């Protein structure tokens, strides 16, 4: 089973360019940004660089998605399609409110287009997973975005869009979404089709953002974990609740949100899972998909500690590369 990895340099947000912006906008230097805002803008590049440095990948091994903004926007509700280009909304969604004072052209090139391209990458990853059994997008997993709203660093609902796109090729395809980000995937839940062909398992810290009880009702299985959850509890919940539920559903594709914000040092996840625990989680999901011969499409989702890139790369090298 070959592992296809989707990546584009434009996935990365240019913090060094922001360094040149005025201090009056409260953005400041690279280090200052990381102090006031947890998003690691170059995480995708870090993962790619670690993979290349391992000697098991060359730069040409990564598959670059093509930008298709028209396709992504076509799925958004008309009102949201208009306001998603509003600077205030964009600044609020990524939680750097001073960005509203920057030129729209700057935000479009350095924030909107990277998210659009990563969303196209998720579509490509799902297609490759159906063809090759296993594919990873070094981006995506914008699970707080729906077809009519955004938030939590998410503007475009890449996973639901990818699901709709792949069903054009495979009508009626049974898809399971396994969201293992530390935060509830409320946007994905709100964007899911209400039909028997979709099944969502959401494992999350129920004591942090977004605590969206209405969206949670849409999830088929909500695994509500607590603040400070450690490896044993987390992995037991995955093995005894999440994966058995997916097995019973018998999907023909799994879309896996492999968030690393469950990491014990992550500033936002509020959980206490070790790097080894994260890699064990990924192994369990990958082995489950292999054992049941289910195509697996993995996206990175959240992860806000500088260690995240290394953890993801180590997991790919140890669990996904044959």
C-alpha atoms as a PDB file:
ATOM      1  CA  UNK A   1       0.000   0.000   0.000  1.00  0.00           C
ATOM      2  CA  UNK A   2       1.567   3.270  -1.151  1.00  0.00           C
ATOM      3  CA  UNK A   3       1.194   6.428   0.915  1.00  0.00           C
ATOM      4  CA  UNK A   4       0.467   9.538  -1.112  1.00  0.00           C
ATOM      5  CA  UNK A   5       1.250  12.858   0.563  1.00  0.00           C
ATOM      6  CA  UNK A   6      -0.341  16.086  -0.644  1.00  0.00           C
ATOM      7  CA  UNK A   7       1.496  19.328   0.041  1.00  0.00           C
ATOM      8  CA  UNK A   8       2.031  22.795  -1.392  1.00  0.00           C
ATOM      9  CA  UNK A   9       4.378  25.523  -0.164  1.00  0.00           C
ATOM     10  CA  UNK A  10       1.450  27.956  -0.259  1.00  0.00           C
ATOM     11  CA  UNK A  11      -0.173  26.097   2.650  1.00  0.00           C
ATOM     12  CA  UNK A  12       2.113  28.063   4.952  1.00  0.00           C
ATOM     13  CA  UNK A  13       1.341  31.453   6.426  1.00  0.00           C
ATOM     14  CA  UNK A  14       4.263  33.914   6.050  1.00  0.00           C
ATOM     15  CA  UNK A  15       5.066  35.055   9.547  1.00  0.00           C
ATOM     16  CA  UNK A  16       8.393  36.470   8.430  1.00  0.00           C
ATOM     17  CA  UNK A  17       6.572  38.768   6.034  1.00  0.00           C
ATOM     18  CA  UNK A  18       4.267  39.854   8.844  1.00  0.00           C
ATOM     19  CA  UNK A  19       7.417  40.745  10.761  1.00  0.00           C
ATOM     20  CA  UNK A  20       7.843  43.683   8.407  1.00  0.00           C
ATOM     21  CA  UNK A  21       4.398  45.089   9.224  1.00  0.00           C
ATOM     22  CA  UNK A  22       3.914  48.008  11.570  1.00  0.00           C
ATOM     23  CA  UNK A  23       4.150  47.436  15.308  1.00  0.00           C
ATOM     24  CA  UNK A  24       1.104  49.666  15.529  1.00  0.00           C
ATOM     25  CA  UNK A  25      -0.907  46.718  14.212  1.00  0.00           C
ATOM     26  CA  UNK A  26       0.303  44.630  17.169  1.00  0.00           C
ATOM     27  CA  UNK A  27       1.653  41.923  14.909  1.00  0.00           C
ATOM     28  CA  UNK A  28       5.367  42.497  15.414  1.00  0.00           C
ATOM     29  CA  UNK A  29       8.084  39.912  14.968  1.00  0.00           C
ATOM     30  CA  UNK A  30       7.849  36.171  14.409  1.00  0.00           C
ATOM     31  CA  UNK A  31       8.555  35.443  18.046  1.00  0.00           C
ATOM     32  CA  UNK A  32       6.015  38.007  19.235  1.00  0.00           C
ATOM     33  CA  UNK A  33       3.325  36.546  16.999  1.00  0.00           C
ATOM     34  CA  UNK A  34       3.862  33.168  18.538  1.00  0.00           C
ATOM     35  CA  UNK A  35       3.520  34.705  21.970  1.00  0.00           C
ATOM     36  CA  UNK A  36       0.203  36.397  21.212  1.00  0.00           C
ATOM     37  CA  UNK A  37      -1.241  33.827  18.820  1.00  0.00           C
ATOM     38  CA  UNK A  38      -0.750  30.060  18.937  1.00  0.00           C
ATOM     39  CA  UNK A  39      -1.141  29.207  15.249  1.00  0.00           C
ATOM     40  CA  UNK A  40       2.058  27.748  13.813  1.00  0.00           C
ATOM     41  CA  UNK A  41       1.878  29.141  10.311  1.00  0.00           C
ATOM     42  CA  UNK A  42       4.674  27.030   8.861  1.00  0.00           C
ATOM     43  CA  UNK A  43       3.720  23.677  10.386  1.00  0.00           C
ATOM     44  CA  UNK A  44       3.081  22.060   7.003  1.00  0.00           C
ATOM     45  CA  UNK A  45       6.518  23.090   5.780  1.00  0.00           C
ATOM     46  CA  UNK A  46       8.091  21.782   8.970  1.00  0.00           C
ATOM     47  CA  UNK A  47       6.479  18.382   8.453  1.00  0.00           C
ATOM     48  CA  UNK A  48       7.651  18.301   4.835  1.00  0.00           C
ATOM     49  CA  UNK A  49      11.182  19.292   5.839  1.00  0.00           C
ATOM     50  CA  UNK A  50      11.368  16.604   8.528  1.00  0.00           C
ATOM     51  CA  UNK A  51      10.173  13.994   6.032  1.00  0.00           C
ATOM     52  CA  UNK A  52      12.759  15.062   3.454  1.00  0.00           C
ATOM     53  CA  UNK A  53      15.510  15.176   6.089  1.00  0.00           C
ATOM     54  CA  UNK A  54      14.737  11.555   6.961  1.00  0.00           C
ATOM     55  CA  UNK A  55      16.020  10.528   3.540  1.00  0.00           C
ATOM     56  CA  UNK A  56      12.835   8.600   2.808  1.00  0.00           C
ATOM     57  CA  UNK A  57      11.227  11.389   0.799  1.00  0.00           C
ATOM     58  CA  UNK A  58      12.427  13.745  -1.904  1.00  0.00           C
ATOM     59  CA  UNK A  59      10.799  17.098  -2.610  1.00  0.00           C
ATOM     60  CA  UNK A  60       9.331  15.752  -5.853  1.00  0.00           C
ATOM     61  CA  UNK A  61       7.532  12.964  -3.965  1.00  0.00           C
ATOM     62  CA  UNK A  62       4.885  15.339  -2.648  1.00  0.00           C
ATOM     63  CA  UNK A  63       1.739  15.852  -4.706  1.00  0.00           C
ATOM     64  CA  UNK A  64       0.719  19.489  -5.184  1.00  0.00           C
ATOM     65  CA  UNK A  65      -3.010  20.224  -5.400  1.00  0.00           C
ATOM     66  CA  UNK A  66      -4.376  22.645  -7.966  1.00  0.00           C
ATOM     67  CA  UNK A  67      -6.184  25.753  -6.814  1.00  0.00           C
ATOM     68  CA  UNK A  68      -9.904  25.731  -7.591  1.00  0.00           C
ATOM     69  CA  UNK A  69     -11.395  28.634  -5.693  1.00  0.00           C
ATOM     70  CA  UNK A  70     -14.583  28.597  -7.760  1.00  0.00           C
ATOM     71  CA  UNK A  71     -15.283  25.022  -6.692  1.00  0.00           C
ATOM     72  CA  UNK A  72     -14.732  25.702  -2.983  1.00  0.00           C
ATOM     73  CA  UNK A  73     -16.851  28.860  -3.018  1.00  0.00           C
ATOM     74  CA  UNK A  74     -19.630  27.134  -4.942  1.00  0.00           C
ATOM     75  CA  UNK A  75     -20.415  25.066  -1.859  1.00  0.00           C
ATOM     76  CA  UNK A  76     -20.751  28.050   0.481  1.00  0.00           C
ATOM     77  CA  UNK A  77     -24.133  29.593   1.156  1.00  0.00           C
ATOM     78  CA  UNK A  78     -24.494  32.863  -0.820  1.00  0.00           C
ATOM     79  CA  UNK A  79     -24.424  35.109   2.242  1.00  0.00           C
ATOM     80  CA  UNK A  80     -21.318  33.439   3.660  1.00  0.00           C
ATOM     81  CA  UNK A  81     -19.672  33.446   0.242  1.00  0.00           C
ATOM     82  CA  UNK A  82     -19.894  37.224   0.315  1.00  0.00           C
ATOM     83  CA  UNK A  83     -18.839  37.903   3.886  1.00  0.00           C
ATOM     84  CA  UNK A  84     -15.982  35.367   3.902  1.00  0.00           C
ATOM     85  CA  UNK A  85     -14.067  38.051   2.021  1.00  0.00           C
ATOM     86  CA  UNK A  86     -14.808  40.623   4.707  1.00  0.00           C
ATOM     87  CA  UNK A  87     -11.603  41.584   6.537  1.00  0.00           C
ATOM     88  CA  UNK A  88     -13.335  41.715   9.911  1.00  0.00           C
ATOM     89  CA  UNK A  89     -14.697  38.185   9.497  1.00  0.00           C
ATOM     90  CA  UNK A  90     -11.327  36.842   8.382  1.00  0.00           C
ATOM     91  CA  UNK A  91      -9.554  38.520  11.310  1.00  0.00           C
ATOM     92  CA  UNK A  92     -12.136  37.128  13.721  1.00  0.00           C
ATOM     93  CA  UNK A  93     -11.929  33.609  12.302  1.00  0.00           C
ATOM     94  CA  UNK A  94      -8.152  33.444  12.747  1.00  0.00           C
ATOM     95  CA  UNK A  95      -8.374  35.388  16.025  1.00  0.00           C
ATOM     96  CA  UNK A  96      -5.875  38.093  15.089  1.00  0.00           C
ATOM     97  CA  UNK A  97      -8.265  41.028  15.101  1.00  0.00           C
ATOM     98  CA  UNK A  98      -5.655  43.580  14.073  1.00  0.00           C
ATOM     99  CA  UNK A  99      -5.500  41.897  10.659  1.00  0.00           C
ATOM    100  CA  UNK A 100      -8.638  43.822   9.717  1.00  0.00           C
ATOM    101  CA  UNK A 101      -6.451  46.906   9.323  1.00  0.00           C
ATOM    102  CA  UNK A 102      -4.260  45.301   6.664  1.00  0.00           C
ATOM    103  CA  UNK A 103      -5.022  45.552   2.945  1.00  0.00           C
ATOM    104  CA  UNK A 104      -7.444  42.914   1.700  1.00  0.00           C
ATOM    105  CA  UNK A 105      -4.957  41.906  -0.991  1.00  0.00           C
ATOM    106  CA  UNK A 106      -2.485  40.977   1.756  1.00  0.00           C
ATOM    107  CA  UNK A 107      -5.038  38.857   3.621  1.00  0.00           C
ATOM    108  CA  UNK A 108      -6.190  37.195   0.441  1.00  0.00           C
ATOM    109  CA  UNK A 109      -2.720  36.146  -0.672  1.00  0.00           C
ATOM    110  CA  UNK A 110      -1.343  35.190   2.725  1.00  0.00           C
ATOM    111  CA  UNK A 111      -4.400  33.763   4.531  1.00  0.00           C
ATOM    112  CA  UNK A 112      -7.379  33.079   2.267  1.00  0.00           C
ATOM    113  CA  UNK A 113      -5.500  31.493  -0.613  1.00  0.00           C
ATOM    114  CA  UNK A 114      -3.454  29.142   1.612  1.00  0.00           C
ATOM    115  CA  UNK A 115      -6.694  27.927   3.233  1.00  0.00           C
ATOM    116  CA  UNK A 116      -8.364  27.576  -0.159  1.00  0.00           C
ATOM    117  CA  UNK A 117      -5.418  25.605  -1.504  1.00  0.00           C
ATOM    118  CA  UNK A 118      -5.313  23.350   1.566  1.00  0.00           C
ATOM    119  CA  UNK A 119      -9.033  22.710   1.060  1.00  0.00           C
ATOM    120  CA  UNK A 120      -8.329  21.697  -2.529  1.00  0.00           C
ATOM    121  CA  UNK A 121      -5.608  19.497  -1.053  1.00  0.00           C
ATOM    122  CA  UNK A 122      -8.191  17.681   1.059  1.00  0.00           C
ATOM    123  CA  UNK A 123     -10.248  16.964  -2.067  1.00  0.00           C
ATOM    124  CA  UNK A 124      -7.137  15.620  -3.774  1.00  0.00           C
ATOM    125  CA  UNK A 125      -6.256  13.537  -0.719  1.00  0.00           C
ATOM    126  CA  UNK A 126      -9.673  11.900  -0.634  1.00  0.00           C
ATOM    127  CA  UNK A 127      -9.418  11.076  -4.346  1.00  0.00           C
ATOM    128  CA  UNK A 128      -5.958   9.564  -3.853  1.00  0.00           C
ATOM    129  CA  UNK A 129      -7.144   7.554  -0.856  1.00  0.00           C
ATOM    130  CA  UNK A 130      -9.861   5.959  -2.969  1.00  0.00           C
ATOM    131  CA  UNK A 131      -7.267   5.079  -5.607  1.00  0.00           C
ATOM    132  CA  UNK A 132      -4.303   4.106  -3.414  1.00  0.00           C
ATOM    133  CA  UNK A 133      -5.944   3.189  -0.068  1.00  0.00           C
ATOM    134  CA  UNK A 134      -3.934   5.728   1.942  1.00  0.00           C
ATOM    135  CA  UNK A 135      -3.289   9.459   1.475  1.00  0.00           C
ATOM    136  CA  UNK A 136      -2.290  12.339   3.764  1.00  0.00           C
ATOM    137  CA  UNK A 137      -2.818  16.056   3.335  1.00  0.00           C
ATOM    138  CA  UNK A 138      -0.198  18.142   5.170  1.00  0.00           C
ATOM    139  CA  UNK A 139      -2.907  20.709   5.842  1.00  0.00           C
ATOM    140  CA  UNK A 140      -6.677  20.951   5.976  1.00  0.00           C
ATOM    141  CA  UNK A 141      -9.057  19.693   8.615  1.00  0.00           C
ATOM    142  CA  UNK A 142     -10.858  23.041   8.998  1.00  0.00           C
ATOM    143  CA  UNK A 143     -13.562  21.496  11.144  1.00  0.00           C
ATOM    144  CA  UNK A 144     -15.002  24.682  12.687  1.00  0.00           C
ATOM    145  CA  UNK A 145     -16.144  25.932   9.269  1.00  0.00           C
ATOM    146  CA  UNK A 146     -19.492  25.018   7.767  1.00  0.00           C
ATOM    147  CA  UNK A 147     -21.188  26.043   4.547  1.00  0.00           C
ATOM    148  CA  UNK A 148     -22.510  29.209   6.199  1.00  0.00           C
ATOM    149  CA  UNK A 149     -20.008  30.173   8.914  1.00  0.00           C
ATOM    150  CA  UNK A 150     -16.379  30.082   9.990  1.00  0.00           C
ATOM    151  CA  UNK A 151     -14.355  30.393  13.178  1.00  0.00           C
ATOM    152  CA  UNK A 152     -11.596  28.799  15.212  1.00  0.00           C
ATOM    153  CA  UNK A 153      -8.918  29.437  12.530  1.00  0.00           C
ATOM    154  CA  UNK A 154     -11.237  27.841   9.922  1.00  0.00           C
ATOM    155  CA  UNK A 155     -12.891  29.485   6.926  1.00  0.00           C
ATOM    156  CA  UNK A 156     -13.670  26.698   4.455  1.00  0.00           C
ATOM    157  CA  UNK A 157     -15.339  23.341   5.276  1.00  0.00           C
ATOM    158  CA  UNK A 158     -12.817  21.235   3.385  1.00  0.00           C
ATOM    159  CA  UNK A 159     -13.884  17.805   4.636  1.00  0.00           C
ATOM    160  CA  UNK A 160     -17.625  18.120   3.832  1.00  0.00           C
ATOM    161  CA  UNK A 161     -16.734  19.587   0.430  1.00  0.00           C
ATOM    162  CA  UNK A 162     -14.360  16.692  -0.254  1.00  0.00           C
ATOM    163  CA  UNK A 163     -17.122  14.270   0.699  1.00  0.00           C
ATOM    164  CA  UNK A 164     -19.526  15.837  -1.767  1.00  0.00           C
ATOM    165  CA  UNK A 165     -16.885  15.864  -4.487  1.00  0.00           C
ATOM    166  CA  UNK A 166     -15.877  12.217  -4.069  1.00  0.00           C
ATOM    167  CA  UNK A 167     -19.517  11.141  -4.196  1.00  0.00           C
ATOM    168  CA  UNK A 168     -19.697  12.570  -7.694  1.00  0.00           C
ATOM    169  CA  UNK A 169     -17.301   9.776  -8.653  1.00  0.00           C
ATOM    170  CA  UNK A 170     -18.683   7.176  -6.231  1.00  0.00           C
ATOM    171  CA  UNK A 171     -22.417   7.826  -5.739  1.00  0.00           C
ATOM    172  CA  UNK A 172     -23.727   6.652  -2.395  1.00  0.00           C
ATOM    173  CA  UNK A 173     -20.225   6.114  -0.996  1.00  0.00           C
ATOM    174  CA  UNK A 174     -20.387   5.310   2.724  1.00  0.00           C
ATOM    175  CA  UNK A 175     -18.016   7.729   4.491  1.00  0.00           C
ATOM    176  CA  UNK A 176     -16.979   7.810   8.135  1.00  0.00           C
ATOM    177  CA  UNK A 177     -15.437  10.958   9.574  1.00  0.00           C
ATOM    178  CA  UNK A 178     -13.183  10.331  12.561  1.00  0.00           C
ATOM    179  CA  UNK A 179     -12.392  13.704  14.122  1.00  0.00           C
ATOM    180  CA  UNK A 180      -9.585  13.359  16.681  1.00  0.00           C
ATOM    181  CA  UNK A 181      -8.840  17.049  17.086  1.00  0.00           C
ATOM    182  CA  UNK A 182      -8.973  18.206  20.708  1.00  0.00           C
ATOM    183  CA  UNK A 183     -11.817  20.554  19.809  1.00  0.00           C
ATOM    184  CA  UNK A 184     -15.342  19.579  18.828  1.00  0.00           C
ATOM    185  CA  UNK A 185     -15.756  19.526  15.049  1.00  0.00           C
ATOM    186  CA  UNK A 186     -18.869  21.659  15.127  1.00  0.00           C
ATOM    187  CA  UNK A 187     -18.506  23.080  11.622  1.00  0.00           C
ATOM    188  CA  UNK A 188     -18.171  19.652  10.040  1.00  0.00           C
ATOM    189  CA  UNK A 189     -21.110  18.410  12.100  1.00  0.00           C
ATOM    190  CA  UNK A 190     -23.273  21.290  10.883  1.00  0.00           C
ATOM    191  CA  UNK A 191     -22.257  20.632   7.277  1.00  0.00           C
ATOM    192  CA  UNK A 192     -22.919  16.892   7.222  1.00  0.00           C
ATOM    193  CA  UNK A 193     -25.632  15.471   5.008  1.00  0.00           C
ATOM    194  CA  UNK A 194     -28.433  13.883   6.953  1.00  0.00           C
ATOM    195  CA  UNK A 195     -28.354  10.529   5.241  1.00  0.00           C
ATOM    196  CA  UNK A 196     -27.336   6.964   5.972  1.00  0.00           C
ATOM    197  CA  UNK A 197     -24.168   7.258   3.882  1.00  0.00           C
ATOM    198  CA  UNK A 198     -22.352   9.481   6.395  1.00  0.00           C
ATOM    199  CA  UNK A 199     -21.196   8.597   9.892  1.00  0.00           C
ATOM    200  CA  UNK A 200     -19.270  10.906  12.216  1.00  0.00           C
ATOM    201  CA  UNK A 201     -17.306  10.066  15.343  1.00  0.00           C
ATOM    202  CA  UNK A 202     -16.046  13.135  17.182  1.00  0.00           C
ATOM    203  CA  UNK A 203     -13.495  12.705  20.008  1.00  0.00           C
ATOM    204  CA  UNK A 204     -12.913  15.988  21.814  1.00  0.00           C
ATOM    205  CA  UNK A 205     -12.328  17.829  25.051  1.00  0.00           C
ATOM    206  CA  UNK A 206     -15.861  18.788  26.022  1.00  0.00           C
ATOM    207  CA  UNK A 207     -14.679  21.457  28.467  1.00  0.00           C
ATOM    208  CA  UNK A 208     -13.139  23.834  25.902  1.00  0.00           C
ATOM    209  CA  UNK A 209     -14.180  25.710  22.743  1.00  0.00           C
ATOM    210  CA  UNK A 210     -16.631  25.517  21.003  1.00  0.00           C
ATOM    211  CA  UNK A 211     -19.090  23.619  23.264  1.00  0.00           C
ATOM    212  CA  UNK A 212     -21.668  23.650  20.461  1.00  0.00           C
ATOM    213  CA  UNK A 213     -24.403  21.407  21.837  1.00  0.00           C
ATOM    214  CA  UNK A 214     -26.705  21.824  18.820  1.00  0.00           C
ATOM    215  CA  UNK A 215     -23.991  20.742  16.391  1.00  0.00           C
ATOM    216  CA  UNK A 216     -22.982  17.868  18.666  1.00  0.00           C
ATOM    217  CA  UNK A 217     -26.414  16.327  18.187  1.00  0.00           C
ATOM    218  CA  UNK A 218     -25.523  15.740  14.536  1.00  0.00           C
ATOM    219  CA  UNK A 219     -22.536  13.554  15.402  1.00  0.00           C
ATOM    220  CA  UNK A 220     -23.385   9.856  15.413  1.00  0.00           C
ATOM    221  CA  UNK A 221     -20.916   9.237  18.238  1.00  0.00           C
ATOM    222  CA  UNK A 222     -19.604  12.016  20.453  1.00  0.00           C
ATOM    223  CA  UNK A 223     -16.725  10.862  22.654  1.00  0.00           C
ATOM    224  CA  UNK A 224     -16.663  13.564  25.301  1.00  0.00           C
ATOM    225  CA  UNK A 225     -13.283  13.658  27.014  1.00  0.00           C
ATOM    226  CA  UNK A 226     -12.220  15.836  29.917  1.00  0.00           C
ATOM    227  CA  UNK A 227      -9.546  18.410  30.529  1.00  0.00           C
ATOM    228  CA  UNK A 228      -6.188  16.752  31.217  1.00  0.00           C
ATOM    229  CA  UNK A 229      -7.102  13.449  29.532  1.00  0.00           C
ATOM    230  CA  UNK A 230      -4.016  11.182  29.370  1.00  0.00           C
ATOM    231  CA  UNK A 231      -2.816   8.481  26.974  1.00  0.00           C
ATOM    232  CA  UNK A 232      -4.513   5.493  28.573  1.00  0.00           C
ATOM    233  CA  UNK A 233      -7.971   7.044  28.764  1.00  0.00           C
ATOM    234  CA  UNK A 234      -7.698   8.547  25.291  1.00  0.00           C
ATOM    235  CA  UNK A 235      -6.497   5.401  23.551  1.00  0.00           C
ATOM    236  CA  UNK A 236      -8.998   3.228  25.415  1.00  0.00           C
ATOM    237  CA  UNK A 237     -11.848   5.471  24.227  1.00  0.00           C
ATOM    238  CA  UNK A 238     -10.562   5.208  20.666  1.00  0.00           C
ATOM    239  CA  UNK A 239     -10.323   1.409  20.845  1.00  0.00           C
ATOM    240  CA  UNK A 240     -13.535   0.691  22.726  1.00  0.00           C
ATOM    241  CA  UNK A 241     -15.903   3.387  21.465  1.00  0.00           C
ATOM    242  CA  UNK A 242     -14.759   5.162  18.306  1.00  0.00           C
ATOM    243  CA  UNK A 243     -13.311   2.370  16.171  1.00  0.00           C
ATOM    244  CA  UNK A 244     -15.983  -0.238  17.041  1.00  0.00           C
ATOM    245  CA  UNK A 245     -18.674   2.263  16.058  1.00  0.00           C
ATOM    246  CA  UNK A 246     -16.978   2.839  12.721  1.00  0.00           C
ATOM    247  CA  UNK A 247     -16.579  -0.904  12.220  1.00  0.00           C
ATOM    248  CA  UNK A 248     -20.307  -1.403  12.746  1.00  0.00           C
ATOM    249  CA  UNK A 249     -21.071   1.307  10.172  1.00  0.00           C
ATOM    250  CA  UNK A 250     -18.781  -0.453   7.654  1.00  0.00           C
ATOM    251  CA  UNK A 251     -17.650   2.605   5.676  1.00  0.00           C
ATOM    252  CA  UNK A 252     -16.055   2.572   2.247  1.00  0.00           C
ATOM    253  CA  UNK A 253     -13.844   5.566   3.156  1.00  0.00           C
ATOM    254  CA  UNK A 254     -12.567   7.097   6.389  1.00  0.00           C
ATOM    255  CA  UNK A 255     -11.634  10.768   6.605  1.00  0.00           C
ATOM    256  CA  UNK A 256      -9.399  11.152   9.633  1.00  0.00           C
ATOM    257  CA  UNK A 257      -8.795  14.498  11.341  1.00  0.00           C
ATOM    258  CA  UNK A 258      -5.482  13.748  13.066  1.00  0.00           C
ATOM    259  CA  UNK A 259      -5.260  16.780  15.327  1.00  0.00           C
ATOM    260  CA  UNK A 260      -2.102  17.089  17.403  1.00  0.00           C
ATOM    261  CA  UNK A 261      -3.634  19.642  19.756  1.00  0.00           C
ATOM    262  CA  UNK A 262      -4.307  16.738  22.143  1.00  0.00           C
ATOM    263  CA  UNK A 263      -0.551  16.964  22.868  1.00  0.00           C
ATOM    264  CA  UNK A 264       0.374  17.531  26.516  1.00  0.00           C
ATOM    265  CA  UNK A 265       2.206  20.786  25.727  1.00  0.00           C
ATOM    266  CA  UNK A 266      -0.364  22.235  23.350  1.00  0.00           C
ATOM    267  CA  UNK A 267      -1.573  25.671  24.519  1.00  0.00           C
ATOM    268  CA  UNK A 268      -5.172  25.223  23.357  1.00  0.00           C
ATOM    269  CA  UNK A 269      -6.200  21.559  23.545  1.00  0.00           C
ATOM    270  CA  UNK A 270      -6.331  21.219  27.307  1.00  0.00           C
ATOM    271  CA  UNK A 271      -5.414  17.537  27.099  1.00  0.00           C
ATOM    272  CA  UNK A 272      -2.395  15.604  28.296  1.00  0.00           C
ATOM    273  CA  UNK A 273      -1.591  13.033  25.603  1.00  0.00           C
ATOM    274  CA  UNK A 274       2.100  12.394  24.973  1.00  0.00           C
ATOM    275  CA  UNK A 275       3.850  12.427  21.609  1.00  0.00           C
ATOM    276  CA  UNK A 276       4.032   8.631  21.815  1.00  0.00           C
ATOM    277  CA  UNK A 277       0.316   8.549  22.581  1.00  0.00           C
ATOM    278  CA  UNK A 278      -0.420  10.566  19.448  1.00  0.00           C
ATOM    279  CA  UNK A 279       1.682   8.224  17.325  1.00  0.00           C
ATOM    280  CA  UNK A 280      -0.052   5.224  18.892  1.00  0.00           C
ATOM    281  CA  UNK A 281      -3.430   6.794  18.072  1.00  0.00           C
ATOM    282  CA  UNK A 282      -2.411   7.225  14.442  1.00  0.00           C
ATOM    283  CA  UNK A 283      -1.166   3.636  14.313  1.00  0.00           C
ATOM    284  CA  UNK A 284      -4.437   2.306  15.687  1.00  0.00           C
ATOM    285  CA  UNK A 285      -6.439   4.227  13.079  1.00  0.00           C
ATOM    286  CA  UNK A 286      -4.142   3.219  10.228  1.00  0.00           C
ATOM    287  CA  UNK A 287      -4.076  -0.448  11.305  1.00  0.00           C
ATOM    288  CA  UNK A 288      -7.868  -0.454  11.637  1.00  0.00           C
ATOM    289  CA  UNK A 289      -8.261   0.893   8.098  1.00  0.00           C
ATOM    290  CA  UNK A 290      -5.781  -1.647   6.731  1.00  0.00           C
ATOM    291  CA  UNK A 291      -7.344  -4.591   8.548  1.00  0.00           C
ATOM    292  CA  UNK A 292     -10.780  -3.732   7.177  1.00  0.00           C
ATOM    293  CA  UNK A 293      -9.476  -2.699   3.742  1.00  0.00           C
ATOM    294  CA  UNK A 294     -10.966   0.787   4.054  1.00  0.00           C
ATOM    295  CA  UNK A 295      -9.348   3.722   2.204  1.00  0.00           C
ATOM    296  CA  UNK A 296      -7.994   6.278   4.679  1.00  0.00           C
ATOM    297  CA  UNK A 297      -7.640  10.010   3.978  1.00  0.00           C
ATOM    298  CA  UNK A 298      -5.817  11.884   6.748  1.00  0.00           C
ATOM    299  CA  UNK A 299      -5.762  15.655   7.301  1.00  0.00           C
ATOM    300  CA  UNK A 300      -3.719  17.451   9.956  1.00  0.00           C
ATOM    301  CA  UNK A 301      -6.408  19.528  11.720  1.00  0.00           C
ATOM    302  CA  UNK A 302      -5.282  21.458  14.829  1.00  0.00           C
ATOM    303  CA  UNK A 303      -1.911  21.507  16.555  1.00  0.00           C
ATOM    304  CA  UNK A 304      -0.482  24.666  18.120  1.00  0.00           C
ATOM    305  CA  UNK A 305       2.797  23.697  19.721  1.00  0.00           C
ATOM    306  CA  UNK A 306       6.147  23.963  17.974  1.00  0.00           C
ATOM    307  CA  UNK A 307       6.640  20.201  18.530  1.00  0.00           C
ATOM    308  CA  UNK A 308       3.613  19.425  16.383  1.00  0.00           C
ATOM    309  CA  UNK A 309       5.500  19.284  13.077  1.00  0.00           C
ATOM    310  CA  UNK A 310       8.043  16.820  14.426  1.00  0.00           C
ATOM    311  CA  UNK A 311       5.343  14.604  15.987  1.00  0.00           C
ATOM    312  CA  UNK A 312       3.393  14.456  12.730  1.00  0.00           C
ATOM    313  CA  UNK A 313       6.492  13.651  10.700  1.00  0.00           C
ATOM    314  CA  UNK A 314       7.582  10.942  13.151  1.00  0.00           C
ATOM    315  CA  UNK A 315       4.127   9.405  13.029  1.00  0.00           C
ATOM    316  CA  UNK A 316       4.100   9.387   9.230  1.00  0.00           C
ATOM    317  CA  UNK A 317       7.548   7.804   9.092  1.00  0.00           C
ATOM    318  CA  UNK A 318       6.757   5.166  11.723  1.00  0.00           C
ATOM    319  CA  UNK A 319       3.150   4.380  10.884  1.00  0.00           C
ATOM    320  CA  UNK A 320       2.315   5.288   7.309  1.00  0.00           C
ATOM    321  CA  UNK A 321       5.421   4.636   5.233  1.00  0.00           C
ATOM    322  CA  UNK A 322       6.046   1.048   4.188  1.00  0.00           C
END
